[in-house]
Protein backbone atom coordinates (compact mmCIF):
# COMPACT_ATOMS: atom_id res chain seq x y z
CA MET A 1 -30.61 9.38 -9.06
CA THR A 2 -27.96 11.90 -8.08
CA THR A 3 -28.30 14.32 -5.20
CA GLU A 4 -28.40 17.15 -7.74
CA GLU A 5 -31.34 15.54 -9.54
CA LEU A 6 -33.10 14.95 -6.23
CA ALA A 7 -32.55 18.58 -5.22
CA LYS A 8 -34.14 19.79 -8.48
CA ILE A 9 -37.19 17.64 -7.82
CA PHE A 10 -37.52 18.80 -4.22
CA LYS A 11 -37.18 22.41 -5.39
CA ALA A 12 -39.76 21.88 -8.13
CA LEU A 13 -42.20 20.45 -5.61
CA GLY A 14 -41.48 23.29 -3.20
CA HIS A 15 -44.33 25.41 -4.55
CA SER A 16 -48.00 24.59 -4.05
CA THR A 17 -48.96 25.49 -7.63
CA ARG A 18 -46.39 23.08 -9.04
CA ILE A 19 -47.67 20.32 -6.73
CA GLN A 20 -51.20 21.05 -7.96
CA ILE A 21 -50.03 20.86 -11.58
CA VAL A 22 -48.40 17.46 -10.99
CA GLU A 23 -51.48 16.21 -9.15
CA HIS A 24 -53.72 17.38 -11.99
CA LEU A 25 -51.54 15.65 -14.58
CA LEU A 26 -51.56 12.45 -12.54
CA HIS A 27 -55.32 12.64 -12.07
CA ARG A 28 -55.89 13.05 -15.80
CA ASN A 29 -53.48 10.19 -16.49
CA SER A 30 -52.77 11.62 -19.93
CA CYS A 31 -50.88 14.41 -21.59
CA ILE A 32 -52.54 17.79 -21.54
CA CYS A 33 -52.20 20.53 -24.13
CA GLY A 34 -52.90 24.13 -23.30
CA GLU A 35 -55.72 23.62 -20.82
CA ILE A 36 -53.39 23.84 -17.81
CA VAL A 37 -53.49 27.62 -18.05
CA GLY A 38 -57.30 27.60 -17.72
CA ILE A 39 -57.20 25.54 -14.54
CA PHE A 40 -55.23 27.98 -12.42
CA PRO A 41 -55.92 31.65 -11.68
CA PHE A 42 -52.55 32.73 -13.05
CA SER A 43 -51.35 34.26 -16.28
CA GLN A 44 -50.01 32.14 -19.14
CA SER A 45 -46.47 33.30 -18.35
CA THR A 46 -46.74 32.29 -14.67
CA VAL A 47 -48.05 28.81 -15.51
CA SER A 48 -45.37 28.47 -18.19
CA GLN A 49 -42.68 29.32 -15.64
CA HIS A 50 -44.01 26.66 -13.25
CA LEU A 51 -44.09 24.11 -16.09
CA LYS A 52 -40.52 25.02 -17.05
CA ILE A 53 -39.31 24.31 -13.51
CA LEU A 54 -41.19 21.00 -13.47
CA LYS A 55 -39.72 20.08 -16.85
CA ASP A 56 -36.20 21.06 -15.75
CA SER A 57 -36.57 18.75 -12.74
CA GLY A 58 -37.61 15.87 -14.99
CA ILE A 59 -40.95 15.25 -13.26
CA VAL A 60 -42.91 16.61 -16.21
CA SER A 61 -42.14 16.14 -19.86
CA GLY A 62 -43.49 18.22 -22.68
CA GLU A 63 -43.86 17.29 -26.31
CA ILE A 64 -44.63 19.75 -29.05
CA GLU A 65 -47.70 18.82 -31.05
CA GLY A 66 -48.28 21.39 -33.73
CA PRO A 67 -48.67 24.82 -32.16
CA LYS A 68 -49.17 23.35 -28.66
CA THR A 69 -47.03 21.58 -26.09
CA CYS A 70 -48.53 18.57 -24.35
CA TYR A 71 -47.44 17.91 -20.78
CA CYS A 72 -47.45 14.70 -18.77
CA VAL A 73 -45.72 13.25 -15.73
CA ASP A 74 -42.61 11.17 -16.39
CA ASP A 75 -43.56 7.96 -14.59
CA HIS A 76 -39.97 6.68 -14.49
CA ILE A 77 -38.62 9.80 -12.76
CA LEU A 78 -41.59 9.91 -10.38
CA LYS A 79 -41.03 6.24 -9.43
CA GLU A 80 -37.31 6.86 -8.78
CA PHE A 81 -38.20 9.84 -6.60
CA LYS A 82 -40.86 7.90 -4.71
CA ASP A 83 -38.38 5.05 -4.15
CA TYR A 84 -35.83 7.52 -2.79
CA VAL A 85 -38.33 9.13 -0.41
CA SER A 86 -39.45 5.68 0.72
CA SER A 87 -35.84 4.71 1.38
CA LEU A 88 -35.50 7.65 3.75
CA ASN A 89 -38.21 6.15 5.89
CA HIS A 90 -36.42 2.80 5.98
CA GLY A 91 -32.91 4.13 6.44
CA ASP A 92 -31.80 2.83 3.03
CA GLN A 93 -29.97 5.53 1.20
CA ASP A 94 -28.97 3.74 -1.94
CA HIS A 95 -28.58 6.73 -4.18
CA GLU A 96 -25.74 8.10 -6.20
CA THR A 97 -24.01 11.19 -4.87
CA VAL A 98 -22.26 13.83 -6.90
């Protein structure tokens, strides 16, 4: 994972609503269509903006299914990120730099 990719993930997780969205997706352990908007006290456009940032970071992926987009956590990206954070604790910094 490059430092640029890591920075996008850290930025995406830098907002409590986005952390809550990721936690909700992980808790559900499945892709979710549309219902994310009903979970949070924000407008559709605000939730969509948060989802866009999460998608741009790679943590969340979205697939179009008919008129809806289904969102789920990208397990591979999340594992790479977790491994990187864990390596900080152990002093291993085996990551690619830009």
